[in-house]
Amino acid sequence: MKIYHNPRCKKSRAGLAYLESKNIEFEIVQYLKTGFSESELSEILNKLNKTPLEMIRKQEAVFKQEYKGKELSDQE
């Protein structure tokens, strides 16, 4: 199992703590340091059965300023 972790994120830290409390073995990927390849993102989306737009944090200022109201394809 992998956890894509952001140490500054409260929910990410809570998820990590939960897995540790259950003694579940996992690999930590600090995605802000390592980034994602296009194939890794595609694999994650496929496993979750989600589209890119479903995974975007739409309340973030950068989304509102740059992308809100635009019609974007999954590739974009």
C-alpha atoms as a PDB file:
ATOM      1  CA  MET A   1       0.000   0.000   0.000  1.00  0.00           C
ATOM      2  CA  LYS A   2       1.159   3.536  -0.700  1.00  0.00           C
ATOM      3  CA  ILE A   3       0.128   6.722   1.012  1.00  0.00           C
ATOM      4  CA  TYR A   4       0.722   9.946  -0.894  1.00  0.00           C
ATOM      5  CA  HIS A   5       1.594  12.154   2.042  1.00  0.00           C
ATOM      6  CA  ASN A   6       1.874  15.876   2.658  1.00  0.00           C
ATOM      7  CA  PRO A   7       3.322  16.366   6.161  1.00  0.00           C
ATOM      8  CA  ARG A   8       1.831  19.882   6.329  1.00  0.00           C
ATOM      9  CA  CYS A   9      -1.707  18.582   5.739  1.00  0.00           C
ATOM     10  CA  LYS A  10      -3.767  17.747   8.826  1.00  0.00           C
ATOM     11  CA  LYS A  11      -5.855  15.112   7.013  1.00  0.00           C
ATOM     12  CA  SER A  12      -2.766  13.502   5.522  1.00  0.00           C
ATOM     13  CA  ARG A  13      -1.151  13.274   8.966  1.00  0.00           C
ATOM     14  CA  ALA A  14      -4.377  11.796  10.352  1.00  0.00           C
ATOM     15  CA  GLY A  15      -4.453   9.181   7.588  1.00  0.00           C
ATOM     16  CA  LEU A  16      -0.847   8.265   8.291  1.00  0.00           C
ATOM     17  CA  ALA A  17      -1.564   7.986  12.026  1.00  0.00           C
ATOM     18  CA  TYR A  18      -4.585   5.767  11.329  1.00  0.00           C
ATOM     19  CA  LEU A  19      -2.565   3.336   9.231  1.00  0.00           C
ATOM     20  CA  GLU A  20       0.168   3.261  11.863  1.00  0.00           C
ATOM     21  CA  SER A  21      -2.382   2.599  14.638  1.00  0.00           C
ATOM     22  CA  LYS A  22      -3.704  -0.401  12.684  1.00  0.00           C
ATOM     23  CA  ASN A  23      -0.169  -1.733  12.103  1.00  0.00           C
ATOM     24  CA  ILE A  24      -0.715  -1.641   8.355  1.00  0.00           C
ATOM     25  CA  GLU A  25       2.445  -1.792   6.270  1.00  0.00           C
ATOM     26  CA  PHE A  26       2.703   1.006   3.735  1.00  0.00           C
ATOM     27  CA  GLU A  27       5.094   3.072   1.695  1.00  0.00           C
ATOM     28  CA  ILE A  28       5.126   6.845   2.149  1.00  0.00           C
ATOM     29  CA  VAL A  29       5.427   8.962  -0.980  1.00  0.00           C
ATOM     30  CA  GLN A  30       5.987  12.630  -0.228  1.00  0.00           C
ATOM     31  CA  TYR A  31       4.536  13.779  -3.528  1.00  0.00           C
ATOM     32  CA  LEU A  32       5.414  17.448  -3.014  1.00  0.00           C
ATOM     33  CA  LYS A  33       9.091  16.431  -3.056  1.00  0.00           C
ATOM     34  CA  THR A  34       8.979  13.697  -5.690  1.00  0.00           C
ATOM     35  CA  GLY A  35       6.160  14.857  -7.944  1.00  0.00           C
ATOM     36  CA  PHE A  36       4.094  12.561 -10.165  1.00  0.00           C
ATOM     37  CA  SER A  37       4.641  11.299 -13.664  1.00  0.00           C
ATOM     38  CA  GLU A  38       1.712  11.328 -16.064  1.00  0.00           C
ATOM     39  CA  SER A  39       1.567   7.525 -15.929  1.00  0.00           C
ATOM     40  CA  GLU A  40       1.504   7.535 -12.101  1.00  0.00           C
ATOM     41  CA  LEU A  41      -1.385  10.000 -12.094  1.00  0.00           C
ATOM     42  CA  SER A  42      -3.266   7.919 -14.651  1.00  0.00           C
ATOM     43  CA  GLU A  43      -2.736   4.776 -12.583  1.00  0.00           C
ATOM     44  CA  ILE A  44      -4.013   6.479  -9.403  1.00  0.00           C
ATOM     45  CA  LEU A  45      -7.076   7.872 -11.187  1.00  0.00           C
ATOM     46  CA  ASN A  46      -7.856   4.455 -12.682  1.00  0.00           C
ATOM     47  CA  LYS A  47      -7.557   2.715  -9.310  1.00  0.00           C
ATOM     48  CA  LEU A  48      -9.854   5.282  -7.717  1.00  0.00           C
ATOM     49  CA  ASN A  49     -12.233   5.310 -10.688  1.00  0.00           C
ATOM     50  CA  LYS A  50     -12.078   9.118 -10.695  1.00  0.00           C
ATOM     51  CA  THR A  51     -11.547  11.806 -13.297  1.00  0.00           C
ATOM     52  CA  PRO A  52      -8.878  14.482 -12.806  1.00  0.00           C
ATOM     53  CA  LEU A  53     -11.544  17.124 -12.196  1.00  0.00           C
ATOM     54  CA  GLU A  54     -13.037  15.032  -9.380  1.00  0.00           C
ATOM     55  CA  MET A  55      -9.680  15.081  -7.596  1.00  0.00           C
ATOM     56  CA  ILE A  56      -8.997  18.819  -7.850  1.00  0.00           C
ATOM     57  CA  ARG A  57      -9.402  21.014  -4.783  1.00  0.00           C
ATOM     58  CA  LYS A  58     -11.793  23.516  -6.317  1.00  0.00           C
ATOM     59  CA  GLN A  59     -11.845  25.834  -3.278  1.00  0.00           C
ATOM     60  CA  GLU A  60      -8.144  26.698  -3.638  1.00  0.00           C
ATOM     61  CA  ALA A  61      -7.410  30.250  -4.767  1.00  0.00           C
ATOM     62  CA  VAL A  62      -5.270  29.124  -7.710  1.00  0.00           C
ATOM     63  CA  PHE A  63      -8.135  27.020  -9.085  1.00  0.00           C
ATOM     64  CA  LYS A  64     -10.627  29.844  -8.714  1.00  0.00           C
ATOM     65  CA  GLN A  65      -8.307  32.370 -10.355  1.00  0.00           C
ATOM     66  CA  GLU A  66      -6.959  30.240 -13.204  1.00  0.00           C
ATOM     67  CA  TYR A  67      -9.463  27.504 -14.014  1.00  0.00           C
ATOM     68  CA  LYS A  68     -12.940  28.090 -12.580  1.00  0.00           C
ATOM     69  CA  GLY A  69     -15.585  28.119 -15.313  1.00  0.00           C
ATOM     70  CA  LYS A  70     -13.253  26.748 -17.986  1.00  0.00           C
ATOM     71  CA  GLU A  71     -14.082  23.572 -19.878  1.00  0.00           C
ATOM     72  CA  LEU A  72     -10.996  21.369 -19.541  1.00  0.00           C
ATOM     73  CA  SER A  73     -10.414  17.892 -20.932  1.00  0.00           C
ATOM     74  CA  ASP A  74      -8.975  15.168 -18.716  1.00  0.00           C
ATOM     75  CA  GLN A  75      -5.662  15.564 -20.533  1.00  0.00           C
ATOM     76  CA  GLU A  76      -5.539  19.300 -19.835  1.00  0.00           C
END
